[in-house]
Structures are given as C-alpha cells and as structure tokens.
Amino acid sequence: MSTNRRTVLAAVAVLGAAQPASADVITDWNTKAVAFLVSRNVPPPPAERVVAMTQVAMFDAVNSIERKYRPYLVQLPAAATVSKEAAAAAAAGTVLAGVNPQAREEMKAALAAYLAAIPDGAAKTEGIKLGEAVASKILEARTNDGSTAADIYRPRTTAGVYVPTAPTLGSHWPGVKPFAMTSASQFRPAPPIALASADWSADYNEIKDLGGLTSSQRSAKQTEDARFWLATDGRVYYPVIGTLAQAKQLSVIDCARLFALTAVARADALIAVFDAKYHYQFWRPVTAIRNGDMDDNPSTERDAAWQPVDATPMHPEYPCAHCIASASLAGVVEAVFGTAEMPEVSITSPTAPGVTHRWTNVRDFADEVAQARIWAGFHYRFSTRIGQDMGYKIGQYVVENFMQPVAMATR
C-alpha cells in the first residue's frame, strides 16, 4: 500500500471516529475541521477562515430547522422534523470537501462514516440535503474573497542589499473579505508608541530581559507559558468553547451559534490584525534589540546576539495576533453569557507535551496568552494590550450584530 493511501485511510479513520449525539455534532465537526487543517499544515489565518465557513454553515443549517436566530447568511425551507445532526454534519463535511478538492473523496468518506450512525429515514435524508444546500451557499459566498490572492509583499531594501528571503505570512490577508466587519480596517488601532518615549524603553527592556532564549530572569512558569502558547491553531482555542457548551448543556442550535460566533470573531480578528500589521510594519523584538543603537533612545542598549525563545513569526509585530485571537474568543463568551466567569476549562498544547492549563475566567485565559507572547520574546507589552483591546471589541461586535435571537432582532 502506498504511503499516500495509508495517510488518507488513517485520516478518514480519525475524521469518522466520533459518534453524533445531540449538540456533540457541532463539537465533533469543529474538531474534525481543526484536525483536517492541521494535518495539511494550514496555519492561521487561512485555517481560521475555513473553520468559520464550517461553523456558519452548521449554524445556518440547524437554524433553518429551528429558526431561533437570525441566519448568518441563508435560511432555507425545512420542516421541524428534519435531523439537525444530519444537517450539521452534511454542512460541515460539504464545506471541508469544497475548500480542498484534493481531499474531496477523503472527506466524503469521513462524512459517510459519521452519518452512518444516524438512523436512516426521511429526517436524515432531508437533513443531508439541507446541509449540502447551505454549505453550497457558504462556499459560493466565500469564492473570490481575496484569500487566494498572490503574495506581493515588497521588502524594504536598497538595490543590491540582501534581505532575508523567507516568505512573509498573510501579507495579502488585509484584502480578505471579512465575515462580519464592515472592512479590514474597521478596528485599526493608533500607531505604535514612539521610539523616543519612556514607554518604548520600558517595554523594550522588559522583553529583552524576560523574552530572550537564555534569559535568567524569566521564571520556570513563564517559560512553560511561553512554550505552551507557541501553538496558535484551533487545538488550543476551540476546546474552551466545547467545554463551555458541554458544561452549560447547550442545545444543538445554541452550541452551533456559540461556535459560529467564536469562529467568525476569530476569523475577522485575524483579518483586522493583519491589516494593522502590514499598515504599520513595526519591527519585531529580535530586530529592535539587535539594532538598539538605531532608535535614538539612550535607554535601549543593543544586544547583537539576542534571540527569542523560538523562531519569530514571519509577519510584522504590531499588534499581537495571538492576543487578538484569544481576546476575540473571550469577547464572544462574555457577550453571550454576560460574564467572564466560566466552569473550569482545561486544555493541553501540542508545543508543551504533558502540560495542562486550567482557567475559570475567560479573561484570565486571554491574559495568559498575551503574557506568554512577551515571555516568548515575540511581542512588546503595549502590542499585547492593543491586540487584546481589538479582540474584545470584535468579539462583542460580532455578538451584537450577527446571529441574534429572532425576538431581539424584530424589536
């Protein structure tokens, strides 16, 4: 058997393993979507676009049956007896098959394995048709949304002078059509702090002391946090939402809405942050600290050999993307439930094997992410604050303007 064939069969086995039960269908297919993207090395923000498409398709499919909320995009005719589980699964599987034609047969097999656990009959058949129809509308709406635009980033240089040749990440993402925002720049922040300021020297020296690979000032816990949050994909985010949905015993429709709101907020947060990053093009700590004699600030001493805990992400520094992504999730949770307090949530990270982190407050969760980017040597404190502020605003904006309860929307 060829290596590719074995890989496909293994992926189908993983994707088809979970059994549908009530609201679990939403969490199941979120997990499948994240695993599907991780297995293909699709990073954020492109991965979050696909997750958002998957989640809004499931929401609109289920909401077409129950009609409790305003649709995200479409509300198709459906009897109340149609299987919500079949509709949600078919919607998710159809989106995932549609975004990657090379994996279409694999995804069809995974969907068939999942649907096999649902009793046959008209409810299942109509649910599958509904899910496929909604997914087609979502796929059509996201065609030509800018996500496949060419990378035309132009490094700053002069003729004949070498610049690093590694490709930048997401330079075209400011041109991607938002899921909810009116434009990529809707939440664009003010410029970074002035290099001559006391705030700059304070943040510069903090990260220089605590974010370096060989720092003797960073605590063991700070180092653990830094490495835990080197992971940036959905594996370290969506388990928070899944745990909340389970703890609060959400129905299928309410679970679908919570996941969809979160995914839309996270997708738009990344569009917003890449808009700001490439608008301001602010230097990363590894660049600033190795050139500390160039900022005209006598309080920023140069360290020619300084390096962060891990390889610096290949995009501009300001604002912090991990911070806006985590805060947008937190903003959704706060806006939906009216509080930052939550049942205990625990997650693991692929970049810190054997370590489990726990929270009972979603703002504490977001704060840990933000602090970790300082300890890792990737982001200045002012950048983490701005990223979080943007994320909270975007999360709240999405909840207040999309997929609202029908009763509220008709007032």
Protein backbone atom coordinates (compact mmCIF):
# COMPACT_ATOMS: atom_id res chain seq x y z
CA MET A 1 0.00 0.00 0.00
CA SER A 2 1.40 3.43 -0.91
CA THR A 3 2.28 6.00 1.75
CA ASN A 4 -0.33 8.44 0.40
CA ARG A 5 -3.01 5.73 0.51
CA ARG A 6 -2.16 4.85 4.11
CA THR A 7 -2.25 8.54 5.06
CA VAL A 8 -5.70 9.02 3.51
CA LEU A 9 -7.12 5.92 5.20
CA ALA A 10 -5.71 6.98 8.56
CA ALA A 11 -7.19 10.46 8.18
CA VAL A 12 -10.59 9.00 7.29
CA ALA A 13 -10.44 6.82 10.39
CA VAL A 14 -9.74 9.84 12.60
CA LEU A 15 -12.36 12.04 10.95
CA GLY A 16 -15.01 9.34 11.12
CA ALA A 17 -14.36 8.14 14.66
CA ALA A 18 -16.75 10.30 16.70
CA GLN A 19 -20.44 9.42 17.02
CA PRO A 20 -23.13 12.10 16.79
CA ALA A 21 -25.23 12.79 19.87
CA SER A 22 -27.26 15.97 20.35
CA ALA A 23 -25.05 19.09 20.40
CA ASP A 24 -21.96 16.91 20.16
CA VAL A 25 -22.30 17.02 16.38
CA ILE A 26 -21.14 20.65 16.43
CA THR A 27 -18.13 19.97 18.62
CA ASP A 28 -17.33 16.79 16.68
CA TRP A 29 -17.14 18.61 13.37
CA ASN A 30 -15.24 21.53 14.81
CA THR A 31 -12.64 19.03 15.99
CA LYS A 32 -12.63 17.37 12.58
CA ALA A 33 -12.18 20.71 10.81
CA VAL A 34 -9.26 21.70 13.02
CA ALA A 35 -7.62 18.27 12.62
CA PHE A 36 -8.18 18.40 8.85
CA LEU A 37 -6.36 21.74 8.63
CA VAL A 38 -3.55 20.76 10.99
CA SER A 39 -2.91 17.59 9.01
CA ARG A 40 -2.39 19.73 5.91
CA ASN A 41 -0.20 22.30 7.68
CA VAL A 42 -2.68 25.12 7.04
CA PRO A 43 -1.78 27.90 9.50
CA PRO A 44 -3.87 30.76 10.82
CA PRO A 45 -5.26 32.95 9.35
CA PRO A 46 -6.22 30.75 6.33
CA ALA A 47 -7.18 27.93 8.68
CA GLU A 48 -9.50 30.17 10.69
CA ARG A 49 -11.28 31.20 7.50
CA VAL A 50 -12.13 27.55 6.83
CA VAL A 51 -13.23 26.95 10.42
CA ALA A 52 -15.51 29.99 10.24
CA MET A 53 -17.03 28.76 6.97
CA THR A 54 -17.62 25.35 8.55
CA GLN A 55 -19.22 26.76 11.68
CA VAL A 56 -21.54 29.24 9.96
CA ALA A 57 -22.66 26.50 7.57
CA MET A 58 -23.58 24.26 10.50
CA PHE A 59 -25.35 27.13 12.23
CA ASP A 60 -27.40 28.16 9.20
CA ALA A 61 -28.33 24.53 8.53
CA VAL A 62 -29.55 23.89 12.07
CA ASN A 63 -31.14 27.32 12.31
CA SER A 64 -33.12 26.62 9.12
CA ILE A 65 -34.81 23.85 11.10
CA GLU A 66 -35.27 25.56 14.46
CA ARG A 67 -35.34 29.24 13.31
CA LYS A 68 -34.40 30.58 16.72
CA TYR A 69 -31.89 33.15 15.47
CA ARG A 70 -31.29 35.41 12.52
CA PRO A 71 -29.35 33.42 9.92
CA TYR A 72 -25.74 34.26 9.27
CA LEU A 73 -26.23 34.08 5.50
CA VAL A 74 -29.17 31.90 4.48
CA GLN A 75 -32.30 30.29 5.88
CA LEU A 76 -33.73 27.54 3.69
CA PRO A 77 -37.15 25.87 3.99
CA ALA A 78 -37.03 22.90 6.36
CA ALA A 79 -39.53 21.01 8.47
CA ALA A 80 -39.07 20.89 12.23
CA THR A 81 -38.70 17.12 11.96
CA VAL A 82 -35.53 17.26 9.84
CA SER A 83 -32.48 15.80 11.58
CA LYS A 84 -30.32 18.60 12.93
CA GLU A 85 -27.40 16.21 13.38
CA ALA A 86 -27.53 15.13 9.74
CA ALA A 87 -27.91 18.72 8.55
CA ALA A 88 -24.98 19.98 10.61
CA ALA A 89 -22.68 17.12 9.67
CA ALA A 90 -23.53 17.39 5.98
CA ALA A 91 -22.99 21.15 6.04
CA ALA A 92 -19.57 20.82 7.67
CA GLY A 93 -18.42 17.91 5.53
CA THR A 94 -19.52 19.65 2.33
CA VAL A 95 -17.64 22.84 3.22
CA LEU A 96 -14.47 20.93 4.07
CA ALA A 97 -14.71 18.94 0.85
CA GLY A 98 -15.28 22.13 -1.11
CA VAL A 99 -12.29 24.07 0.19
CA ASN A 100 -9.81 21.32 -0.71
CA PRO A 101 -10.71 19.44 -3.91
CA GLN A 102 -7.75 17.10 -3.40
CA ALA A 103 -9.36 15.85 -0.19
CA ARG A 104 -12.92 15.67 -1.52
CA GLU A 105 -13.13 11.86 -1.62
CA GLU A 106 -11.50 11.55 1.78
CA MET A 107 -13.97 13.98 3.29
CA LYS A 108 -16.94 12.30 1.62
CA ALA A 109 -15.83 9.02 3.18
CA ALA A 110 -15.48 10.62 6.60
CA LEU A 111 -18.93 12.20 6.31
CA ALA A 112 -20.49 8.90 5.23
CA ALA A 113 -18.93 7.15 8.23
CA TYR A 114 -20.31 9.78 10.55
CA LEU A 115 -23.79 9.79 9.04
CA ALA A 116 -23.97 6.00 9.22
CA ALA A 117 -24.60 6.30 12.99
CA ILE A 118 -27.79 8.32 12.39
CA PRO A 119 -30.90 6.19 11.78
CA ASP A 120 -32.00 6.11 8.16
CA GLY A 121 -35.24 7.75 7.15
CA ALA A 122 -36.77 10.94 5.78
CA ALA A 123 -35.43 13.09 8.63
CA LYS A 124 -31.86 12.03 7.88
CA THR A 125 -32.24 12.28 4.09
CA GLU A 126 -33.75 15.76 4.26
CA GLY A 127 -31.11 16.83 6.78
CA ILE A 128 -28.32 15.80 4.43
CA LYS A 129 -29.93 17.69 1.54
CA LEU A 130 -30.36 20.77 3.70
CA GLY A 131 -26.79 20.71 4.97
CA GLU A 132 -25.39 20.33 1.47
CA ALA A 133 -27.54 23.18 0.16
CA VAL A 134 -26.50 25.56 2.95
CA ALA A 135 -22.83 24.64 2.53
CA SER A 136 -23.04 25.39 -1.18
CA LYS A 137 -24.32 28.89 -0.36
CA ILE A 138 -21.46 29.48 2.10
CA LEU A 139 -18.85 28.22 -0.36
CA GLU A 140 -20.29 30.44 -3.09
CA ALA A 141 -20.27 33.48 -0.80
CA ARG A 142 -16.59 33.00 0.02
CA THR A 143 -15.48 32.45 -3.59
CA ASN A 144 -13.12 35.22 -4.66
CA ASP A 145 -12.97 36.65 -1.13
CA GLY A 146 -9.30 37.56 -1.52
CA SER A 147 -7.92 34.58 0.37
CA THR A 148 -6.12 33.21 -2.69
CA ALA A 149 -4.56 36.50 -3.79
CA ALA A 150 -0.89 36.50 -4.69
CA ASP A 151 1.72 37.48 -2.12
CA ILE A 152 3.07 40.78 -3.42
CA TYR A 153 4.80 41.92 -0.23
CA ARG A 154 7.79 44.11 -1.08
CA PRO A 155 10.62 44.01 1.48
CA ARG A 156 12.21 47.33 2.32
CA THR A 157 15.72 47.43 0.90
CA THR A 158 18.03 49.26 -1.44
CA ALA A 159 19.41 47.98 -4.71
CA GLY A 160 21.96 45.24 -4.20
CA VAL A 161 21.41 44.82 -0.44
CA TYR A 162 20.49 41.39 0.94
CA VAL A 163 17.28 40.91 2.91
CA PRO A 164 16.06 37.62 4.45
CA THR A 165 14.25 35.61 1.80
CA ALA A 166 11.81 33.57 3.91
CA PRO A 167 8.24 34.31 2.74
CA THR A 168 6.11 36.55 4.91
CA LEU A 169 2.83 35.22 6.27
CA GLY A 170 -0.50 36.80 5.46
CA SER A 171 0.67 39.86 3.56
CA HIS A 172 -2.46 39.60 1.39
CA TRP A 173 -4.80 38.96 4.32
CA PRO A 174 -5.77 42.64 4.79
CA GLY A 175 -7.55 42.25 1.44
CA VAL A 176 -9.66 39.28 2.54
CA LYS A 177 -13.39 39.92 2.79
CA PRO A 178 -14.44 39.97 6.48
CA PHE A 179 -17.15 37.66 7.77
CA ALA A 180 -18.76 40.35 9.94
CA MET A 181 -16.74 43.56 9.98
CA THR A 182 -17.53 46.30 7.51
CA SER A 183 -13.87 46.46 6.43
CA ALA A 184 -10.48 45.10 7.43
CA SER A 185 -9.58 48.49 8.90
CA GLN A 186 -12.77 48.92 10.97
CA PHE A 187 -10.89 48.32 14.22
CA ARG A 188 -7.44 49.54 13.12
CA PRO A 189 -5.59 50.94 16.16
CA ALA A 190 -3.50 54.08 16.52
CA PRO A 191 0.20 53.80 15.56
CA PRO A 192 2.73 52.06 17.81
CA ILE A 193 4.28 54.06 20.64
CA ALA A 194 7.11 56.47 19.82
CA LEU A 195 10.63 55.05 19.95
CA ALA A 196 11.86 58.06 21.90
CA SER A 197 9.31 57.53 24.67
CA ALA A 198 9.79 56.12 28.16
CA ASP A 199 7.07 53.54 27.38
CA TRP A 200 9.15 52.22 24.50
CA SER A 201 12.28 51.85 26.58
CA ALA A 202 10.31 50.14 29.36
CA ASP A 203 8.70 47.60 27.01
CA TYR A 204 11.95 47.11 25.08
CA ASN A 205 13.91 46.31 28.21
CA GLU A 206 11.18 44.10 29.64
CA ILE A 207 11.16 41.81 26.65
CA LYS A 208 14.92 41.97 26.29
CA ASP A 209 15.29 40.74 29.88
CA LEU A 210 12.41 38.25 30.01
CA GLY A 211 11.87 37.13 26.43
CA GLY A 212 15.34 36.04 25.44
CA LEU A 213 16.17 32.40 24.79
CA THR A 214 18.80 32.31 27.52
CA SER A 215 17.07 34.67 29.97
CA SER A 216 17.96 34.05 33.61
CA GLN A 217 15.19 36.38 34.83
CA ARG A 218 12.23 34.51 33.35
CA SER A 219 10.63 32.08 35.81
CA ALA A 220 10.03 28.40 35.09
CA LYS A 221 6.28 29.07 34.88
CA GLN A 222 6.82 31.92 32.44
CA THR A 223 8.96 29.65 30.28
CA GLU A 224 6.27 26.98 30.39
CA ASP A 225 3.64 29.53 29.33
CA ALA A 226 5.84 30.79 26.51
CA ARG A 227 6.23 27.29 25.10
CA PHE A 228 2.60 26.30 25.73
CA TRP A 229 1.41 29.21 23.59
CA LEU A 230 3.81 28.64 20.73
CA ALA A 231 0.78 26.74 19.40
CA THR A 232 -1.56 29.10 17.56
CA ASP A 233 -4.12 26.86 15.84
CA GLY A 234 -7.61 25.82 16.84
CA ARG A 235 -6.39 22.97 19.06
CA VAL A 236 -5.62 25.49 21.81
CA TYR A 237 -8.78 27.56 21.36
CA TYR A 238 -11.87 25.59 20.45
CA PRO A 239 -11.66 23.12 23.36
CA VAL A 240 -12.53 26.13 25.54
CA ILE A 241 -15.78 26.60 23.61
CA GLY A 242 -16.52 22.88 23.53
CA THR A 243 -16.09 22.60 27.30
CA LEU A 244 -18.36 25.58 27.88
CA ALA A 245 -21.03 24.18 25.59
CA GLN A 246 -20.94 20.86 27.39
CA ALA A 247 -20.89 22.36 30.89
CA LYS A 248 -23.84 24.60 30.11
CA GLN A 249 -25.68 21.76 28.34
CA LEU A 250 -26.36 23.83 25.25
CA SER A 251 -28.83 22.58 22.69
CA VAL A 252 -27.70 21.85 19.14
CA ILE A 253 -28.76 25.29 17.90
CA ASP A 254 -27.23 27.18 20.83
CA CYS A 255 -23.99 25.20 20.55
CA ALA A 256 -23.89 25.86 16.80
CA ARG A 257 -24.38 29.58 17.43
CA LEU A 258 -21.66 29.78 20.10
CA PHE A 259 -19.13 28.07 17.84
CA ALA A 260 -20.15 30.15 14.83
CA LEU A 261 -19.91 33.45 16.71
CA THR A 262 -16.49 32.48 18.04
CA ALA A 263 -15.17 31.35 14.66
CA VAL A 264 -16.45 34.48 12.89
CA ALA A 265 -14.92 36.72 15.55
CA ARG A 266 -11.58 34.91 15.36
CA ALA A 267 -11.52 34.97 11.56
CA ASP A 268 -12.28 38.69 11.47
CA ALA A 269 -9.85 39.41 14.30
CA LEU A 270 -7.06 37.93 12.20
CA ILE A 271 -8.11 39.98 9.18
CA ALA A 272 -8.08 43.09 11.37
CA VAL A 273 -4.72 42.36 12.95
CA PHE A 274 -3.00 41.63 9.63
CA ASP A 275 -4.45 44.86 8.28
CA ALA A 276 -2.77 46.72 11.14
CA LYS A 277 0.44 44.71 10.97
CA TYR A 278 1.10 45.44 7.32
CA HIS A 279 -0.16 49.01 7.64
CA TYR A 280 2.36 49.89 10.36
CA GLN A 281 5.11 47.29 9.66
CA PHE A 282 6.58 47.65 13.15
CA TRP A 283 9.78 45.81 13.92
CA ARG A 284 9.95 42.61 15.94
CA PRO A 285 11.95 42.43 19.19
CA VAL A 286 14.72 40.37 17.57
CA THR A 287 15.22 43.18 15.05
CA ALA A 288 14.84 46.03 17.53
CA ILE A 289 17.14 44.56 20.18
CA ARG A 290 19.88 43.70 17.70
CA ASN A 291 19.62 47.30 16.47
CA GLY A 292 19.07 49.02 19.80
CA ASP A 293 21.55 51.73 18.84
CA MET A 294 19.35 52.91 15.97
CA ASP A 295 16.21 54.12 17.78
CA ASP A 296 17.67 57.35 19.21
CA ASN A 297 16.68 56.22 22.69
CA PRO A 298 19.60 56.16 25.15
CA SER A 299 17.74 53.67 27.39
CA THR A 300 17.67 50.85 24.83
CA GLU A 301 21.03 49.15 24.83
CA ARG A 302 21.85 46.92 21.87
CA ASP A 303 22.37 43.16 22.23
CA ALA A 304 23.84 41.85 18.99
CA ALA A 305 23.26 38.16 19.80
CA TRP A 306 19.78 38.33 21.36
CA GLN A 307 17.18 35.84 20.17
CA PRO A 308 13.69 34.85 21.34
CA VAL A 309 12.52 31.51 22.76
CA ASP A 310 11.53 30.23 19.30
CA ALA A 311 11.58 31.36 15.68
CA THR A 312 9.83 34.70 15.31
CA PRO A 313 6.63 34.53 13.22
CA MET A 314 7.16 35.88 9.72
CA HIS A 315 4.97 38.95 9.80
CA PRO A 316 5.19 42.43 11.38
CA GLU A 317 4.94 42.79 15.15
CA TYR A 318 2.14 45.28 15.88
CA PRO A 319 -0.39 44.34 17.13
CA CYS A 320 -0.18 40.88 18.71
CA ALA A 321 -2.15 38.32 16.68
CA HIS A 322 -2.35 35.63 19.38
CA CYS A 323 -3.66 38.32 21.74
CA ILE A 324 -6.42 39.49 19.43
CA ALA A 325 -7.43 35.91 18.62
CA SER A 326 -7.75 34.88 22.28
CA ALA A 327 -9.47 38.12 23.28
CA SER A 328 -11.99 37.84 20.44
CA LEU A 329 -12.96 34.41 21.81
CA ALA A 330 -13.18 35.89 25.29
CA GLY A 331 -15.25 38.80 23.99
CA VAL A 332 -17.77 36.41 22.46
CA VAL A 333 -18.04 34.34 25.65
CA GLU A 334 -18.56 37.45 27.79
CA ALA A 335 -21.16 38.89 25.44
CA VAL A 336 -23.11 35.63 25.12
CA PHE A 337 -23.13 34.63 28.79
CA GLY A 338 -22.89 38.07 30.40
CA THR A 339 -19.83 37.24 32.49
CA ALA A 340 -16.16 36.35 32.19
CA GLU A 341 -16.57 33.63 34.81
CA MET A 342 -16.93 30.13 33.44
CA PRO A 343 -16.86 26.48 34.52
CA GLU A 344 -13.30 25.20 34.79
CA VAL A 345 -11.75 24.74 31.37
CA SER A 346 -8.57 22.74 30.84
CA ILE A 347 -6.56 22.34 27.64
CA THR A 348 -3.27 20.88 26.51
CA SER A 349 -0.90 22.18 23.88
CA PRO A 350 1.00 20.36 21.13
CA THR A 351 4.01 22.58 21.87
CA ALA A 352 4.16 21.69 25.59
CA PRO A 353 3.62 17.92 25.86
CA GLY A 354 2.41 16.70 29.24
CA VAL A 355 1.30 20.13 30.43
CA THR A 356 -2.32 21.04 31.20
CA HIS A 357 -3.51 24.58 31.87
CA ARG A 358 -6.80 25.46 33.60
CA TRP A 359 -8.97 28.58 33.94
CA THR A 360 -12.29 29.59 35.48
CA ASN A 361 -12.32 33.06 33.94
CA VAL A 362 -12.10 33.69 30.20
CA ARG A 363 -10.21 36.96 30.70
CA ASP A 364 -7.56 35.10 32.68
CA PHE A 365 -7.28 32.76 29.71
CA ALA A 366 -6.73 35.68 27.32
CA ASP A 367 -4.29 37.34 29.72
CA GLU A 368 -2.14 34.21 29.90
CA VAL A 369 -1.92 34.13 26.11
CA ALA A 370 -0.88 37.78 25.99
CA GLN A 371 1.74 37.45 28.73
CA ALA A 372 3.15 34.34 27.06
CA ARG A 373 3.95 36.31 23.91
CA ILE A 374 6.15 38.60 25.99
CA TRP A 375 7.88 35.67 27.71
CA ALA A 376 8.48 34.09 24.27
CA GLY A 377 10.18 37.24 23.00
CA PHE A 378 7.66 37.91 20.23
CA HIS A 379 5.62 40.93 21.35
CA TYR A 380 6.05 44.10 23.40
CA ARG A 381 3.62 44.73 26.24
CA PHE A 382 1.95 47.70 24.51
CA SER A 383 1.29 45.49 21.48
CA THR A 384 -0.37 42.80 23.61
CA ARG A 385 -2.64 45.41 25.23
CA ILE A 386 -3.71 46.82 21.88
CA GLY A 387 -4.27 43.35 20.44
CA GLN A 388 -6.46 42.38 23.37
CA ASP A 389 -8.47 45.60 23.16
CA MET A 390 -9.16 44.98 19.47
CA GLY A 391 -10.13 41.38 20.15
CA TYR A 392 -12.63 42.21 22.90
CA LYS A 393 -14.24 44.84 20.70
CA ILE A 394 -14.51 42.50 17.71
CA GLY A 395 -15.97 39.67 19.81
CA GLN A 396 -18.61 41.98 21.26
CA TYR A 397 -19.34 43.49 17.84
CA VAL A 398 -19.99 40.09 16.28
CA VAL A 399 -22.38 39.01 19.06
CA GLU A 400 -24.28 42.29 18.96
CA ASN A 401 -24.72 42.31 15.19
CA PHE A 402 -24.90 38.72 13.93
CA MET A 403 -26.96 35.60 14.61
CA GLN A 404 -29.07 37.41 17.17
CA PRO A 405 -32.22 35.90 18.70
CA VAL A 406 -35.24 36.41 16.44
CA ALA A 407 -37.20 38.13 19.24
CA MET A 408 -34.38 40.65 19.74
CA ALA A 409 -33.92 41.20 16.03
CA THR A 410 -37.60 42.08 15.46
CA ARG A 411 -37.90 44.67 18.21
